[in-house]
Protein backbone atom coordinates (compact mmCIF):
# COMPACT_ATOMS: atom_id res chain seq x y z
CA MET A 1 -55.83 54.31 207.26
CA LYS A 2 -54.51 56.80 208.86
CA LYS A 3 -51.97 54.29 210.18
CA ARG A 4 -50.39 54.30 206.75
CA MET A 5 -50.31 57.94 206.24
CA ARG A 6 -47.86 58.28 209.11
CA TRP A 7 -45.60 56.32 207.08
CA ILE A 8 -45.49 58.50 204.35
CA PRO A 9 -43.58 61.56 205.47
CA VAL A 10 -41.08 59.14 206.55
CA LEU A 11 -40.74 57.52 202.73
CA TYR A 12 -40.69 60.60 201.37
CA VAL A 13 -37.68 60.84 203.28
CA ALA A 14 -36.21 58.22 203.46
CA LEU A 15 -36.58 58.11 199.28
CA PHE A 16 -35.61 61.90 198.71
CA LEU A 17 -33.12 62.82 201.18
CA PRO A 18 -30.59 60.94 199.67
CA LEU A 19 -31.18 62.01 196.40
CA THR A 20 -30.77 65.81 197.78
CA LEU A 21 -27.27 64.68 199.25
CA VAL A 22 -26.22 63.41 196.23
CA ALA A 23 -26.83 66.91 194.48
CA LYS A 24 -25.36 68.86 197.33
CA ALA A 25 -21.96 66.90 196.86
CA GLY A 26 -21.71 67.45 193.12
CA SER A 27 -22.32 71.29 193.87
CA GLU A 28 -19.41 71.24 196.21
CA ASP A 29 -17.15 69.12 194.44
CA TRP A 30 -14.30 71.01 192.44
CA SER A 31 -12.57 67.78 190.72
CA PRO A 32 -15.14 68.46 187.85
CA VAL A 33 -13.85 72.13 187.35
CA ALA A 34 -10.61 71.11 187.45
CA GLU A 35 -10.96 67.99 184.85
CA GLN A 36 -12.60 70.65 182.53
CA VAL A 37 -9.46 72.91 182.59
CA ASN A 38 -7.40 69.81 182.12
CA GLU A 39 -9.33 68.74 179.18
CA GLN A 40 -9.39 71.92 177.50
CA LEU A 41 -5.53 72.35 178.32
CA ASP A 42 -5.20 68.42 176.84
CA SER A 43 -6.92 70.31 173.62
CA ALA A 44 -4.43 72.46 173.48
CA LEU A 45 -1.83 70.34 173.41
CA GLU A 46 -3.60 68.36 170.88
CA ALA A 47 -3.46 71.61 168.71
CA TYR A 48 0.37 72.33 169.26
CA ARG A 49 1.45 68.62 168.53
CA ALA A 50 -0.87 69.18 165.26
CA GLY A 51 1.13 72.32 164.65
CA ASP A 52 -1.43 75.08 165.39
CA PRO A 53 0.46 77.01 168.17
CA GLN A 54 -2.29 79.77 167.56
CA ALA A 55 -4.83 77.37 168.39
CA ALA A 56 -3.36 75.93 171.31
CA ARG A 57 -2.91 79.82 172.68
CA ARG A 58 -6.38 79.85 172.55
CA GLY A 59 -6.88 76.69 174.08
CA VAL A 60 -4.72 77.67 177.07
CA ILE A 61 -6.84 81.16 177.68
CA GLN A 62 -9.53 79.67 177.18
CA ALA A 63 -9.13 76.97 179.93
CA TYR A 64 -8.36 79.98 182.21
CA PHE A 65 -10.79 82.33 181.56
CA GLY A 66 -13.00 79.76 180.84
CA PRO A 67 -13.69 76.95 184.00
CA PHE A 68 -10.46 78.28 185.60
CA GLU A 69 -11.69 81.82 186.44
CA GLY A 70 -15.40 81.10 184.69
CA GLU A 71 -16.36 78.65 187.44
CA LYS A 72 -14.46 80.43 190.04
CA MET A 73 -11.68 78.21 190.99
CA GLU A 74 -8.85 81.16 191.15
CA ALA A 75 -11.55 83.36 193.20
CA ALA A 76 -12.15 79.93 195.43
CA ILE A 77 -8.29 79.26 196.01
CA ARG A 78 -7.44 82.76 196.59
CA SER A 79 -9.98 83.18 199.04
CA GLN A 80 -9.30 79.90 200.97
CA PHE A 81 -5.59 79.71 201.08
CA GLY A 82 -4.47 83.07 200.09
CA ILE A 83 -2.84 85.16 196.83
CA GLU A 84 0.39 82.74 196.43
CA PRO A 85 -1.01 79.56 195.31
CA ALA A 86 -3.62 81.18 192.74
CA PHE A 87 -0.61 83.16 191.86
CA LEU A 88 1.56 80.50 191.15
CA LEU A 89 -1.09 78.60 189.10
CA GLU A 90 -1.72 82.18 187.13
CA ARG A 91 2.14 81.85 186.18
CA GLN A 92 1.83 78.04 185.32
CA PHE A 93 -0.68 79.38 182.88
CA GLY A 94 1.39 82.32 181.56
CA ALA A 95 4.48 80.22 181.15
CA LEU A 96 2.94 77.59 178.94
CA ARG A 97 1.21 80.14 176.60
CA LYS A 98 4.99 81.59 176.81
CA ALA A 99 6.54 78.35 176.08
CA ILE A 100 3.66 77.14 172.86
CA LYS A 101 4.06 81.22 171.54
CA GLN A 102 8.08 80.65 171.61
CA GLY A 103 7.76 77.37 169.84
CA ALA A 104 9.49 75.65 172.60
CA GLU A 105 9.84 71.64 172.02
CA LEU A 106 6.77 69.27 172.13
CA HIS A 107 8.15 67.37 175.28
CA ARG A 108 8.73 70.90 176.95
CA VAL A 109 5.22 72.42 176.21
CA SER A 110 3.87 68.89 177.80
CA GLU A 111 5.91 68.89 180.11
CA LEU A 112 4.81 72.05 181.02
CA ALA A 113 1.09 71.25 180.90
CA GLU A 114 0.99 68.29 182.58
CA GLN A 115 2.31 70.22 185.78
CA LEU A 116 -0.43 72.58 185.21
CA GLN A 117 -2.86 69.96 185.38
CA ALA A 118 -1.62 68.08 188.15
CA ALA A 119 -1.15 71.31 190.12
CA LEU A 120 -5.05 72.11 189.42
CA MET A 121 -6.12 68.75 190.81
CA SER A 122 -4.13 69.21 193.61
CA GLN A 123 -5.86 72.36 194.25
CA ALA A 124 -9.23 70.86 193.55
CA ASP A 125 -8.68 68.18 196.14
CA LYS A 126 -7.65 70.66 198.78
CA LEU A 127 -10.81 73.27 198.14
CA ASN A 128 -12.47 69.47 198.61
CA GLU A 129 -10.94 68.79 201.83
CA ALA A 130 -11.13 72.20 203.25
CA GLY A 131 -15.33 71.74 202.35
CA VAL A 132 -15.58 75.16 199.89
CA PRO A 133 -18.65 74.81 198.72
CA ARG A 134 -18.36 75.96 194.95
CA ILE A 135 -22.01 77.48 195.27
CA VAL A 136 -20.69 80.73 197.03
CA PHE A 137 -18.39 80.80 193.97
CA GLU A 138 -21.45 80.72 191.63
CA VAL A 139 -21.87 83.57 189.06
CA ASN A 140 -23.88 86.21 189.17
CA GLN A 141 -24.78 85.74 192.62
């Protein structure tokens, strides 16, 4: 019986350590944040395509203040890479909002949205490569 009891801690570690690592890996990955922003930008683009520029602008604003700022991706970029990359992303959000407000051609708005989406995914990849944990930038610390 005592021999069997010695295996319990080993089994516990063998079974639960991988689950802990998977959970931790998910909290370290910035890609889901960028994907959330990109989904909201896709919705904004759909609204523009449907002829609703006000909803499109609101969608871009929600993407910025929602997952991008709310999940602290902007803060992580600024902290890790400096003000310039964060500022460039902010300018891209602004350019997209401005194009929508000015009634730009759909292909131009689409192009701006795609460039912003690619830049967001690139920054998420860079944050992941640098090993920047999301937990450091959690809201209400």
